[in-house]
Amino acid sequence: MNFNETIPFLFAQISTYYKVEIEKQLNEFDLHAGQIFILFELWKTDGLSQIQLSNNLRLSPPTINKMVKSLIKNGFVATAVCQSDGRVIEVYLTLKGAAIRPQVEEKWQKLEEKLVGNLTATEQLVLSQLVGKLIENVLMTEASEA
């Protein structure tokens, strides 16, 4: 078997490249690659609990907590105790966290264009569908192993 030609190897190469590029692009905002996904979630729905973020992003609660603390330190989010359940901590965008959205989306779009720029619209759609199926496979495997 030639490992360099396997799907997992190719995904690992793309993932590593993309993470490095995201880090470079987000450095000017004092953001790290993982933290941006919390902002993506909050840009969709502000005021999510840390547990909701953990579930949505499929990351452990301690990992989410660490990223949220860093985002608080840099002024992108704030937390508040849920009014209906005092045990729940909700995460909200600050004005700074909301304000960087256009610049981050522009950088994200440029990175995507760099990745798929030589693919036709049809190829991009097929790739998206295939990757979606791969994700479903992984999620089904995880569920059956749990």
Protein backbone atom coordinates (compact mmCIF):
# COMPACT_ATOMS: atom_id res chain seq x y z
CA MET A 1 0.00 0.00 0.00
CA ASN A 2 1.24 3.45 -0.86
CA PHE A 3 0.15 5.55 2.14
CA ASN A 4 0.82 8.79 0.26
CA GLU A 5 -2.10 7.99 -2.03
CA THR A 6 -4.65 7.03 0.64
CA ILE A 7 -7.63 9.27 1.37
CA PRO A 8 -6.70 9.75 5.07
CA PHE A 9 -3.17 10.82 4.11
CA LEU A 10 -4.47 13.28 1.51
CA PHE A 11 -6.97 14.71 4.00
CA ALA A 12 -4.23 15.06 6.60
CA GLN A 13 -2.09 17.00 4.11
CA ILE A 14 -4.95 19.34 3.24
CA SER A 15 -5.92 19.74 6.89
CA THR A 16 -2.38 20.58 7.97
CA TYR A 17 -1.94 23.06 5.13
CA TYR A 18 -5.29 24.69 5.83
CA LYS A 19 -4.65 24.98 9.58
CA VAL A 20 -1.28 26.66 8.98
CA GLU A 21 -2.84 29.07 6.47
CA ILE A 22 -5.76 29.89 8.78
CA GLU A 23 -3.32 30.58 11.63
CA LYS A 24 -1.37 32.99 9.40
CA GLN A 25 -4.50 34.80 8.26
CA LEU A 26 -6.07 35.08 11.73
CA ASN A 27 -2.87 36.11 13.49
CA GLU A 28 -3.64 39.80 12.92
CA PHE A 29 -6.81 39.36 15.02
CA ASP A 30 -5.07 37.39 17.82
CA LEU A 31 -7.20 34.37 16.91
CA HIS A 32 -6.17 30.75 16.56
CA ALA A 33 -7.56 28.28 14.06
CA GLY A 34 -9.80 26.43 16.52
CA GLN A 35 -11.24 29.58 18.05
CA ILE A 36 -12.68 30.74 14.74
CA PHE A 37 -15.16 27.87 14.79
CA ILE A 38 -16.65 29.17 18.05
CA LEU A 39 -17.10 32.56 16.40
CA PHE A 40 -18.69 30.87 13.35
CA GLU A 41 -21.22 29.22 15.66
CA LEU A 42 -21.94 32.46 17.53
CA TRP A 43 -22.31 34.39 14.28
CA LYS A 44 -25.07 31.91 13.39
CA THR A 45 -26.66 31.89 16.85
CA ASP A 46 -25.41 34.22 19.57
CA GLY A 47 -25.78 33.17 23.19
CA LEU A 48 -25.07 29.45 22.86
CA SER A 49 -24.12 27.54 25.97
CA GLN A 50 -20.69 26.00 26.24
CA ILE A 51 -22.35 22.56 26.06
CA GLN A 52 -24.13 23.53 22.83
CA LEU A 53 -20.82 24.72 21.40
CA SER A 54 -19.20 21.46 22.48
CA ASN A 55 -21.93 19.42 20.78
CA ASN A 56 -22.04 21.55 17.62
CA LEU A 57 -18.28 21.49 17.15
CA ARG A 58 -17.81 17.92 18.42
CA LEU A 59 -15.15 19.08 20.88
CA SER A 60 -14.80 18.26 24.56
CA PRO A 61 -16.25 20.70 27.10
CA PRO A 62 -12.78 21.41 28.58
CA THR A 63 -11.48 22.29 25.09
CA ILE A 64 -14.42 24.65 24.52
CA ASN A 65 -13.90 26.19 27.96
CA LYS A 66 -10.22 26.85 27.23
CA MET A 67 -11.00 28.44 23.86
CA VAL A 68 -13.81 30.57 25.33
CA LYS A 69 -11.47 31.84 28.08
CA SER A 70 -8.95 32.87 25.44
CA LEU A 71 -11.67 34.58 23.37
CA ILE A 72 -12.82 36.43 26.51
CA LYS A 73 -9.25 37.52 27.24
CA ASN A 74 -8.95 38.94 23.72
CA GLY A 75 -12.33 40.67 23.94
CA PHE A 76 -14.23 38.66 21.30
CA VAL A 77 -16.84 37.10 23.60
CA ALA A 78 -18.34 37.44 27.04
CA THR A 79 -20.19 34.91 29.17
CA ALA A 80 -23.29 35.11 31.29
CA VAL A 81 -25.19 32.72 33.50
CA CYS A 82 -28.33 31.45 31.81
CA GLN A 83 -31.39 33.10 33.36
CA SER A 84 -33.52 29.95 33.15
CA ASP A 85 -30.82 27.55 34.42
CA GLY A 86 -28.13 28.98 36.68
CA ARG A 87 -25.86 26.00 36.00
CA VAL A 88 -25.49 26.90 32.33
CA ILE A 89 -22.96 29.41 31.01
CA GLU A 90 -23.91 31.15 27.77
CA VAL A 91 -21.39 32.69 25.41
CA TYR A 92 -22.12 35.98 23.63
CA LEU A 93 -20.28 37.95 21.00
CA THR A 94 -18.90 41.30 22.03
CA LEU A 95 -18.94 44.23 19.62
CA LYS A 96 -15.35 43.33 18.74
CA GLY A 97 -16.33 39.72 18.06
CA ALA A 98 -19.18 40.77 15.80
CA ALA A 99 -17.15 43.48 14.06
CA ILE A 100 -14.43 41.17 12.72
CA ARG A 101 -16.90 38.94 10.89
CA PRO A 102 -16.59 40.62 7.44
CA GLN A 103 -12.76 40.52 7.49
CA VAL A 104 -12.67 36.92 8.71
CA GLU A 105 -15.22 35.82 6.12
CA GLU A 106 -13.18 37.51 3.39
CA LYS A 107 -10.01 35.73 4.49
CA TRP A 108 -11.88 32.42 4.77
CA GLN A 109 -13.27 32.87 1.24
CA LYS A 110 -9.80 33.59 -0.15
CA LEU A 111 -8.44 30.44 1.48
CA GLU A 112 -11.30 28.43 0.03
CA GLU A 113 -10.62 29.87 -3.43
CA LYS A 114 -6.96 28.91 -3.03
CA LEU A 115 -8.02 25.36 -2.19
CA VAL A 116 -10.66 24.78 -4.88
CA GLY A 117 -9.88 27.54 -7.37
CA ASN A 118 -9.04 25.17 -10.21
CA LEU A 119 -12.21 23.09 -9.74
CA THR A 120 -15.36 23.77 -11.73
CA ALA A 121 -18.56 24.61 -9.87
CA THR A 122 -19.76 21.05 -10.57
CA GLU A 123 -16.54 19.55 -9.21
CA GLN A 124 -16.84 21.72 -6.08
CA LEU A 125 -20.42 20.51 -5.56
CA VAL A 126 -19.43 16.86 -6.04
CA LEU A 127 -16.46 17.29 -3.68
CA SER A 128 -18.72 18.86 -1.06
CA GLN A 129 -21.19 15.98 -1.38
CA LEU A 130 -18.43 13.36 -1.16
CA VAL A 131 -16.87 14.98 1.90
CA GLY A 132 -20.36 15.14 3.45
CA LYS A 133 -20.69 11.39 2.94
CA LEU A 134 -17.29 10.81 4.53
CA ILE A 135 -18.36 12.83 7.55
CA GLU A 136 -21.58 10.80 7.80
CA ASN A 137 -19.50 7.59 7.71
CA VAL A 138 -17.30 8.83 10.55
CA LEU A 139 -20.28 9.95 12.63
CA MET A 140 -22.10 6.64 12.12
CA THR A 141 -18.95 4.71 13.06
CA GLU A 142 -18.51 6.83 16.21
CA ALA A 143 -22.17 6.32 17.17
CA SER A 144 -21.94 2.55 16.72
CA GLU A 145 -18.76 2.40 18.81
CA ALA A 146 -20.24 4.45 21.66
